[in-house]
Amino acid sequence: MHGGCRSKVGSGDMTIEVEIREIKEMLDELSRKIDMLVQDRETLAMMVTSQQSLKDFLANEPDLYSMRDIKVRYR
């Protein structure tokens, strides 16, 4: 006997194996999606932190162009 228990149990075993395989595939897909969401959230957090850090820095920097310069240039 080559099949072992499988040949004795019948087709119910195959159905369970297929369902388990499908569940594993779904879990893999969910895991990938969660990883992407975590990465997106980390990126957003870094962007917010950078924006807050630069806000104070840029507020104290002189403007490169005055409003007068911009009005003359784009008329």
N, C-alpha and C. Protein backbone atom coordinates (compact mmCIF):
# COMPACT_ATOMS: atom_id res chain seq x y z
N MET A 1 0.83 -1.19 0.00
CA MET A 1 0.00 0.00 0.00
C MET A 1 0.87 1.25 0.00
N HIS A 2 0.73 2.04 -1.04
CA HIS A 2 1.50 3.27 -1.14
C HIS A 2 0.81 4.46 -0.51
N GLY A 3 -0.50 4.48 -0.52
CA GLY A 3 -1.26 5.65 -0.09
C GLY A 3 -1.33 5.83 1.41
N GLY A 4 -1.01 4.85 2.20
CA GLY A 4 -1.11 4.99 3.64
C GLY A 4 -2.55 5.19 4.05
N CYS A 5 -2.81 6.10 4.98
CA CYS A 5 -4.16 6.36 5.51
C CYS A 5 -5.07 6.97 4.46
N ARG A 6 -4.52 7.68 3.51
CA ARG A 6 -5.35 8.38 2.53
C ARG A 6 -6.21 7.40 1.73
N SER A 7 -5.63 6.31 1.34
CA SER A 7 -6.40 5.37 0.52
C SER A 7 -7.54 4.75 1.30
N LYS A 8 -7.41 4.65 2.60
CA LYS A 8 -8.45 4.05 3.43
C LYS A 8 -9.56 5.05 3.77
N VAL A 9 -9.19 6.35 3.94
CA VAL A 9 -10.15 7.35 4.38
C VAL A 9 -11.06 7.77 3.24
N GLY A 10 -10.53 7.98 2.06
CA GLY A 10 -11.35 8.33 0.92
C GLY A 10 -11.25 9.79 0.54
N SER A 11 -12.24 10.29 -0.18
CA SER A 11 -12.17 11.64 -0.76
C SER A 11 -12.37 12.74 0.26
N GLY A 12 -12.89 12.43 1.43
CA GLY A 12 -13.05 13.45 2.48
C GLY A 12 -11.73 14.06 2.88
N ASP A 13 -10.68 13.26 2.84
CA ASP A 13 -9.33 13.74 3.16
C ASP A 13 -8.87 14.80 2.16
N MET A 14 -9.15 14.56 0.88
CA MET A 14 -8.75 15.50 -0.16
C MET A 14 -9.48 16.83 0.01
N THR A 15 -10.74 16.77 0.37
CA THR A 15 -11.51 18.00 0.58
C THR A 15 -10.91 18.81 1.72
N ILE A 16 -10.55 18.15 2.78
CA ILE A 16 -9.94 18.83 3.93
C ILE A 16 -8.59 19.43 3.53
N GLU A 17 -7.80 18.68 2.77
CA GLU A 17 -6.49 19.19 2.33
C GLU A 17 -6.65 20.41 1.44
N VAL A 18 -7.63 20.38 0.54
CA VAL A 18 -7.88 21.52 -0.34
C VAL A 18 -8.32 22.73 0.49
N GLU A 19 -9.20 22.52 1.44
CA GLU A 19 -9.67 23.62 2.29
C GLU A 19 -8.53 24.20 3.12
N ILE A 20 -7.68 23.35 3.64
CA ILE A 20 -6.53 23.82 4.42
C ILE A 20 -5.59 24.64 3.54
N ARG A 21 -5.35 24.16 2.33
CA ARG A 21 -4.49 24.89 1.39
C ARG A 21 -5.09 26.26 1.08
N GLU A 22 -6.41 26.32 0.85
CA GLU A 22 -7.07 27.59 0.57
C GLU A 22 -7.00 28.54 1.76
N ILE A 23 -7.16 28.01 2.95
CA ILE A 23 -7.06 28.83 4.17
C ILE A 23 -5.65 29.39 4.30
N LYS A 24 -4.64 28.56 4.03
CA LYS A 24 -3.25 29.03 4.10
C LYS A 24 -2.99 30.14 3.08
N GLU A 25 -3.55 29.98 1.88
CA GLU A 25 -3.39 31.02 0.85
C GLU A 25 -4.05 32.32 1.28
N MET A 26 -5.24 32.22 1.87
CA MET A 26 -5.93 33.42 2.36
C MET A 26 -5.14 34.08 3.48
N LEU A 27 -4.57 33.28 4.38
CA LEU A 27 -3.77 33.84 5.47
C LEU A 27 -2.53 34.53 4.93
N ASP A 28 -1.90 33.93 3.91
CA ASP A 28 -0.74 34.57 3.29
C ASP A 28 -1.12 35.91 2.68
N GLU A 29 -2.26 35.95 1.98
CA GLU A 29 -2.71 37.20 1.38
C GLU A 29 -3.02 38.25 2.44
N LEU A 30 -3.69 37.85 3.51
CA LEU A 30 -3.98 38.78 4.60
C LEU A 30 -2.71 39.30 5.25
N SER A 31 -1.76 38.42 5.41
CA SER A 31 -0.48 38.81 6.01
C SER A 31 0.23 39.84 5.13
N ARG A 32 0.22 39.64 3.82
CA ARG A 32 0.83 40.61 2.91
C ARG A 32 0.12 41.96 2.99
N LYS A 33 -1.21 41.92 3.05
CA LYS A 33 -1.97 43.18 3.12
C LYS A 33 -1.70 43.91 4.43
N ILE A 34 -1.61 43.17 5.52
CA ILE A 34 -1.31 43.79 6.81
C ILE A 34 0.08 44.41 6.78
N ASP A 35 1.05 43.71 6.19
CA ASP A 35 2.40 44.26 6.07
C ASP A 35 2.40 45.56 5.28
N MET A 36 1.62 45.60 4.19
CA MET A 36 1.53 46.82 3.39
C MET A 36 0.90 47.96 4.19
N LEU A 37 -0.15 47.65 4.95
CA LEU A 37 -0.80 48.68 5.77
C LEU A 37 0.14 49.22 6.84
N VAL A 38 0.88 48.33 7.47
CA VAL A 38 1.84 48.76 8.50
C VAL A 38 2.91 49.65 7.87
N GLN A 39 3.40 49.25 6.70
CA GLN A 39 4.42 50.05 6.02
C GLN A 39 3.87 51.42 5.64
N ASP A 40 2.64 51.46 5.12
CA ASP A 40 2.02 52.74 4.77
C ASP A 40 1.85 53.62 6.00
N ARG A 41 1.46 53.02 7.10
CA ARG A 41 1.27 53.78 8.35
C ARG A 41 2.60 54.34 8.86
N GLU A 42 3.66 53.54 8.75
CA GLU A 42 4.99 53.99 9.17
C GLU A 42 5.45 55.15 8.29
N THR A 43 5.21 55.04 6.98
CA THR A 43 5.59 56.11 6.06
C THR A 43 4.84 57.39 6.38
N LEU A 44 3.54 57.27 6.63
CA LEU A 44 2.74 58.44 6.98
C LEU A 44 3.23 59.08 8.27
N ALA A 45 3.57 58.26 9.25
CA ALA A 45 4.07 58.78 10.53
C ALA A 45 5.38 59.54 10.32
N MET A 46 6.26 59.03 9.48
CA MET A 46 7.52 59.72 9.19
C MET A 46 7.28 61.03 8.47
N MET A 47 6.31 61.03 7.55
CA MET A 47 6.00 62.26 6.82
C MET A 47 5.44 63.33 7.76
N VAL A 48 4.56 62.94 8.66
CA VAL A 48 3.98 63.88 9.62
C VAL A 48 5.08 64.43 10.53
N THR A 49 5.96 63.56 11.00
CA THR A 49 7.06 63.99 11.86
C THR A 49 7.97 64.97 11.13
N SER A 50 8.28 64.67 9.88
CA SER A 50 9.13 65.56 9.08
C SER A 50 8.46 66.91 8.89
N GLN A 51 7.17 66.88 8.60
CA GLN A 51 6.44 68.12 8.38
C GLN A 51 6.45 68.98 9.64
N GLN A 52 6.22 68.35 10.79
CA GLN A 52 6.21 69.10 12.05
C GLN A 52 7.61 69.64 12.37
N SER A 53 8.63 68.84 12.10
CA SER A 53 9.99 69.28 12.38
C SER A 53 10.40 70.43 11.48
N LEU A 54 10.03 70.35 10.22
CA LEU A 54 10.42 71.40 9.27
C LEU A 54 9.61 72.67 9.44
N LYS A 55 8.42 72.56 9.98
CA LYS A 55 7.56 73.73 10.14
C LYS A 55 8.25 74.81 10.97
N ASP A 56 8.76 74.43 12.12
CA ASP A 56 9.45 75.40 12.99
C ASP A 56 10.72 75.92 12.33
N PHE A 57 11.46 75.03 11.69
CA PHE A 57 12.70 75.42 11.02
C PHE A 57 12.41 76.43 9.91
N LEU A 58 11.46 76.12 9.06
CA LEU A 58 11.16 77.00 7.93
C LEU A 58 10.49 78.29 8.36
N ALA A 59 9.77 78.28 9.46
CA ALA A 59 9.12 79.50 9.94
C ALA A 59 10.15 80.57 10.31
N ASN A 60 11.33 80.15 10.73
CA ASN A 60 12.38 81.08 11.13
C ASN A 60 13.33 81.44 9.99
N GLU A 61 13.16 80.85 8.85
CA GLU A 61 14.02 81.13 7.70
C GLU A 61 13.45 82.32 6.92
N PRO A 62 14.34 83.12 6.35
CA PRO A 62 13.85 84.23 5.53
C PRO A 62 13.24 83.71 4.23
N ASP A 63 12.27 84.45 3.71
CA ASP A 63 11.66 84.08 2.43
C ASP A 63 12.67 84.32 1.32
N LEU A 64 12.72 83.44 0.37
CA LEU A 64 13.61 83.62 -0.77
C LEU A 64 13.10 84.70 -1.71
N TYR A 65 11.78 84.77 -1.82
CA TYR A 65 11.15 85.77 -2.68
C TYR A 65 10.09 86.49 -1.88
N SER A 66 9.99 87.79 -2.12
CA SER A 66 8.93 88.56 -1.48
C SER A 66 7.67 88.44 -2.33
N MET A 67 6.56 88.85 -1.79
CA MET A 67 5.32 88.84 -2.56
C MET A 67 5.46 89.76 -3.77
N ARG A 68 6.21 90.84 -3.61
CA ARG A 68 6.44 91.78 -4.72
C ARG A 68 7.17 91.09 -5.86
N ASP A 69 8.19 90.29 -5.52
CA ASP A 69 8.95 89.56 -6.55
C ASP A 69 8.05 88.59 -7.32
N ILE A 70 7.18 87.94 -6.60
CA ILE A 70 6.31 86.95 -7.23
C ILE A 70 5.29 87.65 -8.13
N LYS A 71 4.74 88.76 -7.68
CA LYS A 71 3.76 89.47 -8.49
C LYS A 71 4.38 89.99 -9.79
N VAL A 72 5.59 90.49 -9.73
CA VAL A 72 6.26 91.00 -10.91
C VAL A 72 6.57 89.86 -11.87
N ARG A 73 7.01 88.78 -11.37
CA ARG A 73 7.43 87.65 -12.19
C ARG A 73 6.27 87.00 -12.93
N TYR A 74 5.12 86.90 -12.31
CA TYR A 74 4.01 86.13 -12.88
C TYR A 74 2.88 86.99 -13.45
N ARG A 75 3.12 88.23 -13.70
CA ARG A 75 2.07 89.08 -14.28
C ARG A 75 1.91 88.81 -15.74
